[in-house]
Amino acid sequence: MLSQSMEDYLKAIYQLRRDDQRVSTNAIAESLSVSPASVTSMLKQLASMELIIHTPYQGAELTDLGTRVALEVIRHHRLIELYLTEFLGYRWDQVHDEAERLEHVISEEMEDRMDRALGRPTADPHGDPIPNSDLVLPVSDAIMLSELEPGQDATIQRVSDRDSELLRYVERLGLVPSAEVSLLEKSPFNGPLLLQVGDHQHSIGLELASNIFVSNIRDPRPAADGGTTSRAD
């Protein structure tokens, strides 16, 4: 039986890893708001249990077993978030902290019952993919909204759920999963982005745009007069 803290570490390593699969001690410490010394001590424990491979001064990477544990916790978290919004009336900006507390304690039976009640969902309220019962997480081709080029259209796939105030703000702007968005202008020198969302235009900063992820990106199509149009007829 793993402790809640151990599961938190494994989930953090999974979410922080990049192409090299290795996560630094400092990155883990910042993510979990603990000291680097505490991280080093925990990494040694997890390595002794064959959940990670820990290389001093170089960081940690998950083993196959550690990856499965991390994905199980993530599956619990995202199913709980969706259950809270669909059945208990929570708003999408209220569910992250609740799920953080509950993800470690629900049984596999409860997980399966929630999954069936929700119709075997594939995404949580923020658009994050839910690992299936085999702990397979769909590969996403989403990019940050800030990476779009002027004239491109896209569909919002997910929004970072770490900041409840941010979630409330983007909801007021209509920047929610499945919404269609067009980038009209991108100011130079890290300036704001001008977006078309439905019938409204909004100007948002790069920091906010880096917390919104889009997919189904469409380039502007040449118009009949040789110009371009950002949407199909």
C-alpha atoms as a PDB file:
ATOM      1  CA  MET A   1       0.000   0.000   0.000  1.00  0.00           C
ATOM      2  CA  LEU A   2       1.434   3.344  -1.060  1.00  0.00           C
ATOM      3  CA  SER A   3       0.990   6.464   1.008  1.00  0.00           C
ATOM      4  CA  GLN A   4      -0.863   9.482  -0.350  1.00  0.00           C
ATOM      5  CA  SER A   5       2.420  11.362  -0.452  1.00  0.00           C
ATOM      6  CA  MET A   6       4.045   8.660  -2.579  1.00  0.00           C
ATOM      7  CA  GLU A   7       1.154   8.746  -5.031  1.00  0.00           C
ATOM      8  CA  ASP A   8       1.423  12.539  -5.207  1.00  0.00           C
ATOM      9  CA  TYR A   9       5.107  12.268  -6.107  1.00  0.00           C
ATOM     10  CA  LEU A  10       4.480   9.709  -8.835  1.00  0.00           C
ATOM     11  CA  LYS A  11       1.673  11.809 -10.316  1.00  0.00           C
ATOM     12  CA  ALA A  12       3.849  14.922 -10.217  1.00  0.00           C
ATOM     13  CA  ILE A  13       6.728  13.169 -11.985  1.00  0.00           C
ATOM     14  CA  TYR A  14       4.345  11.907 -14.661  1.00  0.00           C
ATOM     15  CA  GLN A  15       2.860  15.357 -15.250  1.00  0.00           C
ATOM     16  CA  LEU A  16       6.231  17.140 -15.236  1.00  0.00           C
ATOM     17  CA  ARG A  17       8.117  14.791 -17.521  1.00  0.00           C
ATOM     18  CA  ARG A  18       9.022  15.827 -21.025  1.00  0.00           C
ATOM     19  CA  ASP A  19      10.670  14.083 -23.970  1.00  0.00           C
ATOM     20  CA  ASP A  20      13.697  12.975 -21.948  1.00  0.00           C
ATOM     21  CA  GLN A  21      11.363  11.376 -19.376  1.00  0.00           C
ATOM     22  CA  ARG A  22      13.552  12.654 -16.513  1.00  0.00           C
ATOM     23  CA  VAL A  23      12.344  15.227 -13.990  1.00  0.00           C
ATOM     24  CA  SER A  24      14.642  17.325 -11.829  1.00  0.00           C
ATOM     25  CA  THR A  25      14.503  17.412  -8.043  1.00  0.00           C
ATOM     26  CA  ASN A  26      13.880  21.159  -8.093  1.00  0.00           C
ATOM     27  CA  ALA A  27      10.938  20.806 -10.502  1.00  0.00           C
ATOM     28  CA  ILE A  28       9.305  18.236  -8.241  1.00  0.00           C
ATOM     29  CA  ALA A  29       9.953  20.370  -5.161  1.00  0.00           C
ATOM     30  CA  GLU A  30       8.344  23.407  -6.800  1.00  0.00           C
ATOM     31  CA  SER A  31       5.345  21.420  -8.008  1.00  0.00           C
ATOM     32  CA  LEU A  32       4.635  19.907  -4.582  1.00  0.00           C
ATOM     33  CA  SER A  33       5.749  22.925  -2.499  1.00  0.00           C
ATOM     34  CA  VAL A  34       8.304  20.923  -0.530  1.00  0.00           C
ATOM     35  CA  SER A  35      12.048  21.255   0.008  1.00  0.00           C
ATOM     36  CA  PRO A  36      14.578  19.663  -2.380  1.00  0.00           C
ATOM     37  CA  ALA A  37      15.910  17.654   0.585  1.00  0.00           C
ATOM     38  CA  SER A  38      12.452  16.166   1.174  1.00  0.00           C
ATOM     39  CA  VAL A  39      12.213  15.290  -2.511  1.00  0.00           C
ATOM     40  CA  THR A  40      15.580  13.523  -2.458  1.00  0.00           C
ATOM     41  CA  SER A  41      14.520  11.449   0.544  1.00  0.00           C
ATOM     42  CA  MET A  42      11.236  10.426  -1.086  1.00  0.00           C
ATOM     43  CA  LEU A  43      12.890   9.615  -4.408  1.00  0.00           C
ATOM     44  CA  LYS A  44      15.202   7.180  -2.634  1.00  0.00           C
ATOM     45  CA  GLN A  45      12.169   5.428  -1.129  1.00  0.00           C
ATOM     46  CA  LEU A  46      10.372   5.238  -4.449  1.00  0.00           C
ATOM     47  CA  ALA A  47      13.502   3.931  -6.154  1.00  0.00           C
ATOM     48  CA  SER A  48      13.839   1.175  -3.526  1.00  0.00           C
ATOM     49  CA  MET A  49      10.274   0.117  -4.420  1.00  0.00           C
ATOM     50  CA  GLU A  50      11.159   0.059  -8.147  1.00  0.00           C
ATOM     51  CA  LEU A  51       8.608   2.780  -8.922  1.00  0.00           C
ATOM     52  CA  ILE A  52      11.198   5.205 -10.281  1.00  0.00           C
ATOM     53  CA  ILE A  53      14.783   5.289 -11.482  1.00  0.00           C
ATOM     54  CA  HIS A  54      16.623   7.946  -9.497  1.00  0.00           C
ATOM     55  CA  THR A  55      19.969   9.298 -10.672  1.00  0.00           C
ATOM     56  CA  PRO A  56      21.532  11.703  -8.136  1.00  0.00           C
ATOM     57  CA  TYR A  57      21.888  15.255  -9.508  1.00  0.00           C
ATOM     58  CA  GLN A  58      20.071  14.231 -12.698  1.00  0.00           C
ATOM     59  CA  GLY A  59      16.518  13.619 -11.525  1.00  0.00           C
ATOM     60  CA  ALA A  60      14.002  10.805 -11.666  1.00  0.00           C
ATOM     61  CA  GLU A  61      12.022   8.894 -14.245  1.00  0.00           C
ATOM     62  CA  LEU A  62       9.115   6.517 -13.775  1.00  0.00           C
ATOM     63  CA  THR A  63       9.371   2.795 -14.254  1.00  0.00           C
ATOM     64  CA  ASP A  64       6.506   0.974 -15.957  1.00  0.00           C
ATOM     65  CA  LEU A  65       5.070   0.172 -12.526  1.00  0.00           C
ATOM     66  CA  GLY A  66       5.396   3.794 -11.396  1.00  0.00           C
ATOM     67  CA  THR A  67       3.703   4.969 -14.573  1.00  0.00           C
ATOM     68  CA  ARG A  68       0.714   2.691 -13.938  1.00  0.00           C
ATOM     69  CA  VAL A  69       0.325   4.005 -10.397  1.00  0.00           C
ATOM     70  CA  ALA A  70       0.490   7.604 -11.623  1.00  0.00           C
ATOM     71  CA  LEU A  71      -2.102   6.957 -14.339  1.00  0.00           C
ATOM     72  CA  GLU A  72      -4.427   5.261 -11.838  1.00  0.00           C
ATOM     73  CA  VAL A  73      -4.320   8.335  -9.599  1.00  0.00           C
ATOM     74  CA  ILE A  74      -4.894  10.624 -12.597  1.00  0.00           C
ATOM     75  CA  ARG A  75      -7.840   8.458 -13.689  1.00  0.00           C
ATOM     76  CA  HIS A  76      -9.378   8.746 -10.218  1.00  0.00           C
ATOM     77  CA  HIS A  77      -8.824  12.503 -10.148  1.00  0.00           C
ATOM     78  CA  ARG A  78     -10.423  13.229 -13.501  1.00  0.00           C
ATOM     79  CA  LEU A  79     -13.372  10.884 -13.017  1.00  0.00           C
ATOM     80  CA  ILE A  80     -14.070  12.515  -9.658  1.00  0.00           C
ATOM     81  CA  GLU A  81     -13.934  15.988 -11.199  1.00  0.00           C
ATOM     82  CA  LEU A  82     -16.448  15.009 -13.856  1.00  0.00           C
ATOM     83  CA  TYR A  83     -18.707  13.222 -11.369  1.00  0.00           C
ATOM     84  CA  LEU A  84     -18.763  16.282  -9.116  1.00  0.00           C
ATOM     85  CA  THR A  85     -19.827  18.547 -11.981  1.00  0.00           C
ATOM     86  CA  GLU A  86     -22.307  16.169 -13.617  1.00  0.00           C
ATOM     87  CA  PHE A  87     -24.065  14.769 -10.543  1.00  0.00           C
ATOM     88  CA  LEU A  88     -23.346  17.023  -7.560  1.00  0.00           C
ATOM     89  CA  GLY A  89     -23.658  20.468  -9.078  1.00  0.00           C
ATOM     90  CA  TYR A  90     -20.073  21.639  -8.622  1.00  0.00           C
ATOM     91  CA  ARG A  91     -18.694  24.280 -10.988  1.00  0.00           C
ATOM     92  CA  TRP A  92     -15.583  23.416 -13.000  1.00  0.00           C
ATOM     93  CA  ASP A  93     -13.541  25.875 -10.930  1.00  0.00           C
ATOM     94  CA  GLN A  94     -14.439  24.062  -7.669  1.00  0.00           C
ATOM     95  CA  VAL A  95     -13.566  20.456  -8.423  1.00  0.00           C
ATOM     96  CA  HIS A  96      -9.751  20.325  -8.565  1.00  0.00           C
ATOM     97  CA  ASP A  97      -9.103  20.634  -4.822  1.00  0.00           C
ATOM     98  CA  GLU A  98     -11.937  18.218  -3.985  1.00  0.00           C
ATOM     99  CA  ALA A  99     -10.530  15.661  -6.408  1.00  0.00           C
ATOM    100  CA  GLU A 100      -7.033  16.112  -4.951  1.00  0.00           C
ATOM    101  CA  ARG A 101      -8.396  14.965  -1.595  1.00  0.00           C
ATOM    102  CA  LEU A 102     -10.566  12.119  -2.881  1.00  0.00           C
ATOM    103  CA  GLU A 103      -8.324  10.625  -5.571  1.00  0.00           C
ATOM    104  CA  HIS A 104      -6.345   8.604  -3.003  1.00  0.00           C
ATOM    105  CA  VAL A 105      -9.236   7.067  -1.111  1.00  0.00           C
ATOM    106  CA  ILE A 106     -11.883   5.837  -3.560  1.00  0.00           C
ATOM    107  CA  SER A 107     -12.020   2.094  -4.181  1.00  0.00           C
ATOM    108  CA  GLU A 108     -11.730   0.438  -7.568  1.00  0.00           C
ATOM    109  CA  GLU A 109     -15.418  -0.487  -7.245  1.00  0.00           C
ATOM    110  CA  MET A 110     -16.379   3.156  -6.777  1.00  0.00           C
ATOM    111  CA  GLU A 111     -14.139   4.172  -9.667  1.00  0.00           C
ATOM    112  CA  ASP A 112     -15.890   1.686 -11.965  1.00  0.00           C
ATOM    113  CA  ARG A 113     -19.364   2.748 -10.805  1.00  0.00           C
ATOM    114  CA  MET A 114     -18.564   6.404 -11.476  1.00  0.00           C
ATOM    115  CA  ASP A 115     -17.138   5.494 -14.865  1.00  0.00           C
ATOM    116  CA  ARG A 116     -20.304   3.589 -15.835  1.00  0.00           C
ATOM    117  CA  ALA A 117     -22.626   6.280 -14.459  1.00  0.00           C
ATOM    118  CA  LEU A 118     -20.799   8.878 -16.550  1.00  0.00           C
ATOM    119  CA  GLY A 119     -21.001   6.759 -19.721  1.00  0.00           C
ATOM    120  CA  ARG A 120     -17.307   5.807 -19.930  1.00  0.00           C
ATOM    121  CA  PRO A 121     -16.136   9.407 -20.480  1.00  0.00           C
ATOM    122  CA  THR A 122     -12.906  10.315 -22.241  1.00  0.00           C
ATOM    123  CA  ALA A 123     -12.337  13.823 -20.822  1.00  0.00           C
ATOM    124  CA  ASP A 124     -12.850  15.690 -17.550  1.00  0.00           C
ATOM    125  CA  PRO A 125     -14.627  19.087 -17.219  1.00  0.00           C
ATOM    126  CA  HIS A 126     -11.470  20.965 -18.189  1.00  0.00           C
ATOM    127  CA  GLY A 127     -10.889  18.846 -21.298  1.00  0.00           C
ATOM    128  CA  ASP A 128      -8.048  16.745 -19.868  1.00  0.00           C
ATOM    129  CA  PRO A 129      -8.142  13.167 -21.176  1.00  0.00           C
ATOM    130  CA  ILE A 130      -9.168  10.437 -18.732  1.00  0.00           C
ATOM    131  CA  PRO A 131      -7.061   7.249 -18.834  1.00  0.00           C
ATOM    132  CA  ASN A 132      -9.293   4.309 -19.664  1.00  0.00           C
ATOM    133  CA  SER A 133      -9.744   1.232 -17.469  1.00  0.00           C
ATOM    134  CA  ASP A 134      -6.577  -0.245 -19.006  1.00  0.00           C
ATOM    135  CA  LEU A 135      -4.742   2.943 -17.968  1.00  0.00           C
ATOM    136  CA  VAL A 136      -4.148   4.001 -21.549  1.00  0.00           C
ATOM    137  CA  LEU A 137      -4.060   7.771 -21.959  1.00  0.00           C
ATOM    138  CA  PRO A 138      -4.922   9.063 -25.448  1.00  0.00           C
ATOM    139  CA  VAL A 139      -2.124  10.926 -27.190  1.00  0.00           C
ATOM    140  CA  SER A 140      -2.996  14.584 -27.703  1.00  0.00           C
ATOM    141  CA  ASP A 141      -1.829  16.833 -30.521  1.00  0.00           C
ATOM    142  CA  ALA A 142      -2.978  19.986 -28.726  1.00  0.00           C
ATOM    143  CA  ILE A 143      -0.763  23.059 -28.654  1.00  0.00           C
ATOM    144  CA  MET A 144      -0.907  26.190 -26.540  1.00  0.00           C
ATOM    145  CA  LEU A 145      -3.257  28.866 -27.813  1.00  0.00           C
ATOM    146  CA  SER A 146      -0.275  31.221 -27.772  1.00  0.00           C
ATOM    147  CA  GLU A 147       1.353  29.106 -30.519  1.00  0.00           C
ATOM    148  CA  LEU A 148      -1.390  29.789 -33.069  1.00  0.00           C
ATOM    149  CA  GLU A 149      -0.578  32.095 -35.976  1.00  0.00           C
ATOM    150  CA  PRO A 150      -2.828  34.974 -37.068  1.00  0.00           C
ATOM    151  CA  GLY A 151      -5.594  33.745 -39.365  1.00  0.00           C
ATOM    152  CA  GLN A 152      -5.681  30.246 -37.917  1.00  0.00           C
ATOM    153  CA  ASP A 153      -8.824  28.722 -36.448  1.00  0.00           C
ATOM    154  CA  ALA A 154      -8.834  26.028 -33.777  1.00  0.00           C
ATOM    155  CA  THR A 155     -10.968  24.184 -31.253  1.00  0.00           C
ATOM    156  CA  ILE A 156     -10.248  24.569 -27.564  1.00  0.00           C
ATOM    157  CA  GLN A 157      -9.409  21.135 -26.199  1.00  0.00           C
ATOM    158  CA  ARG A 158      -8.510  21.811 -22.591  1.00  0.00           C
ATOM    159  CA  VAL A 159      -7.803  24.501 -20.010  1.00  0.00           C
ATOM    160  CA  SER A 160      -5.361  24.230 -17.118  1.00  0.00           C
ATOM    161  CA  ASP A 161      -7.279  23.529 -13.898  1.00  0.00           C
ATOM    162  CA  ARG A 162      -4.640  24.745 -11.426  1.00  0.00           C
ATOM    163  CA  ASP A 163      -6.134  28.212 -10.914  1.00  0.00           C
ATOM    164  CA  SER A 164      -9.820  28.533 -10.085  1.00  0.00           C
ATOM    165  CA  GLU A 165      -9.809  32.281 -10.741  1.00  0.00           C
ATOM    166  CA  LEU A 166      -8.399  31.655 -14.220  1.00  0.00           C
ATOM    167  CA  LEU A 167     -11.153  29.117 -14.901  1.00  0.00           C
ATOM    168  CA  ARG A 168     -13.851  31.568 -13.905  1.00  0.00           C
ATOM    169  CA  TYR A 169     -12.318  34.258 -16.104  1.00  0.00           C
ATOM    170  CA  VAL A 170     -11.933  32.152 -19.269  1.00  0.00           C
ATOM    171  CA  GLU A 171     -15.478  30.848 -18.808  1.00  0.00           C
ATOM    172  CA  ARG A 172     -16.760  34.433 -18.935  1.00  0.00           C
ATOM    173  CA  LEU A 173     -14.850  34.874 -22.206  1.00  0.00           C
ATOM    174  CA  GLY A 174     -16.276  31.665 -23.667  1.00  0.00           C
ATOM    175  CA  LEU A 175     -12.815  30.050 -23.833  1.00  0.00           C
ATOM    176  CA  VAL A 176     -13.987  26.604 -22.753  1.00  0.00           C
ATOM    177  CA  PRO A 177     -13.452  23.095 -24.177  1.00  0.00           C
ATOM    178  CA  SER A 178     -15.109  22.552 -27.587  1.00  0.00           C
ATOM    179  CA  ALA A 179     -15.383  26.309 -28.268  1.00  0.00           C
ATOM    180  CA  GLU A 180     -14.198  27.508 -31.677  1.00  0.00           C
ATOM    181  CA  VAL A 181     -11.643  30.318 -31.682  1.00  0.00           C
ATOM    182  CA  SER A 182      -9.868  32.365 -34.364  1.00  0.00           C
ATOM    183  CA  LEU A 183      -6.623  34.245 -33.824  1.00  0.00           C
ATOM    184  CA  LEU A 184      -7.033  37.631 -35.483  1.00  0.00           C
ATOM    185  CA  GLU A 185      -3.856  39.378 -34.377  1.00  0.00           C
ATOM    186  CA  LYS A 186      -0.713  38.602 -32.390  1.00  0.00           C
ATOM    187  CA  SER A 187       1.138  41.692 -31.210  1.00  0.00           C
ATOM    188  CA  PRO A 188       4.961  41.568 -31.345  1.00  0.00           C
ATOM    189  CA  PHE A 189       7.310  41.500 -28.350  1.00  0.00           C
ATOM    190  CA  ASN A 190       5.094  39.188 -26.290  1.00  0.00           C
ATOM    191  CA  GLY A 191       2.097  41.441 -26.757  1.00  0.00           C
ATOM    192  CA  PRO A 192      -1.530  40.335 -26.406  1.00  0.00           C
ATOM    193  CA  LEU A 193      -3.555  38.118 -28.741  1.00  0.00           C
ATOM    194  CA  LEU A 194      -6.779  39.300 -30.326  1.00  0.00           C
ATOM    195  CA  LEU A 195      -9.278  36.443 -30.549  1.00  0.00           C
ATOM    196  CA  GLN A 196     -12.650  35.908 -32.172  1.00  0.00           C
ATOM    197  CA  VAL A 197     -14.885  33.708 -30.023  1.00  0.00           C
ATOM    198  CA  GLY A 198     -18.369  33.406 -31.444  1.00  0.00           C
ATOM    199  CA  ASP A 199     -19.717  36.921 -31.949  1.00  0.00           C
ATOM    200  CA  HIS A 200     -17.194  38.482 -29.585  1.00  0.00           C
ATOM    201  CA  GLN A 201     -13.587  39.614 -29.764  1.00  0.00           C
ATOM    202  CA  HIS A 202     -11.269  39.409 -26.770  1.00  0.00           C
ATOM    203  CA  SER A 203      -7.688  40.517 -26.153  1.00  0.00           C
ATOM    204  CA  ILE A 204      -5.744  38.215 -23.814  1.00  0.00           C
ATOM    205  CA  GLY A 205      -2.144  38.066 -22.649  1.00  0.00           C
ATOM    206  CA  LEU A 206       0.397  35.361 -23.425  1.00  0.00           C
ATOM    207  CA  GLU A 207       0.366  34.022 -19.871  1.00  0.00           C
ATOM    208  CA  LEU A 208      -3.341  33.307 -20.067  1.00  0.00           C
ATOM    209  CA  ALA A 209      -3.036  31.911 -23.590  1.00  0.00           C
ATOM    210  CA  SER A 210      -0.343  29.478 -22.409  1.00  0.00           C
ATOM    211  CA  ASN A 211      -2.918  27.862 -20.087  1.00  0.00           C
ATOM    212  CA  ILE A 212      -5.359  27.143 -22.918  1.00  0.00           C
ATOM    213  CA  PHE A 213      -4.702  24.301 -25.347  1.00  0.00           C
ATOM    214  CA  VAL A 214      -6.195  23.932 -28.810  1.00  0.00           C
ATOM    215  CA  SER A 215      -6.433  21.270 -31.509  1.00  0.00           C
ATOM    216  CA  ASN A 216      -8.072  20.804 -34.923  1.00  0.00           C
ATOM    217  CA  ILE A 217      -6.058  23.745 -36.220  1.00  0.00           C
ATOM    218  CA  ARG A 218      -7.161  25.123 -39.582  1.00  0.00           C
ATOM    219  CA  ASP A 219      -5.094  27.444 -41.730  1.00  0.00           C
ATOM    220  CA  PRO A 220      -6.815  30.275 -43.605  1.00  0.00           C
ATOM    221  CA  ARG A 221      -8.213  29.170 -46.957  1.00  0.00           C
ATOM    222  CA  PRO A 222      -7.471  31.250 -50.067  1.00  0.00           C
ATOM    223  CA  ALA A 223     -10.472  33.359 -51.081  1.00  0.00           C
ATOM    224  CA  ALA A 224     -11.730  33.661 -54.638  1.00  0.00           C
ATOM    225  CA  ASP A 225     -10.152  37.125 -55.095  1.00  0.00           C
ATOM    226  CA  GLY A 226      -6.731  35.890 -54.083  1.00  0.00           C
ATOM    227  CA  GLY A 227      -7.043  36.998 -50.467  1.00  0.00           C
ATOM    228  CA  THR A 228      -7.607  34.717 -47.506  1.00  0.00           C
ATOM    229  CA  THR A 229     -10.434  33.846 -45.226  1.00  0.00           C
ATOM    230  CA  SER A 230     -10.048  32.322 -41.782  1.00  0.00           C
ATOM    231  CA  ARG A 231     -13.206  30.217 -41.939  1.00  0.00           C
ATOM    232  CA  ALA A 232     -14.828  27.922 -44.418  1.00  0.00           C
ATOM    233  CA  ASP A 233     -18.079  29.050 -45.987  1.00  0.00           C
END
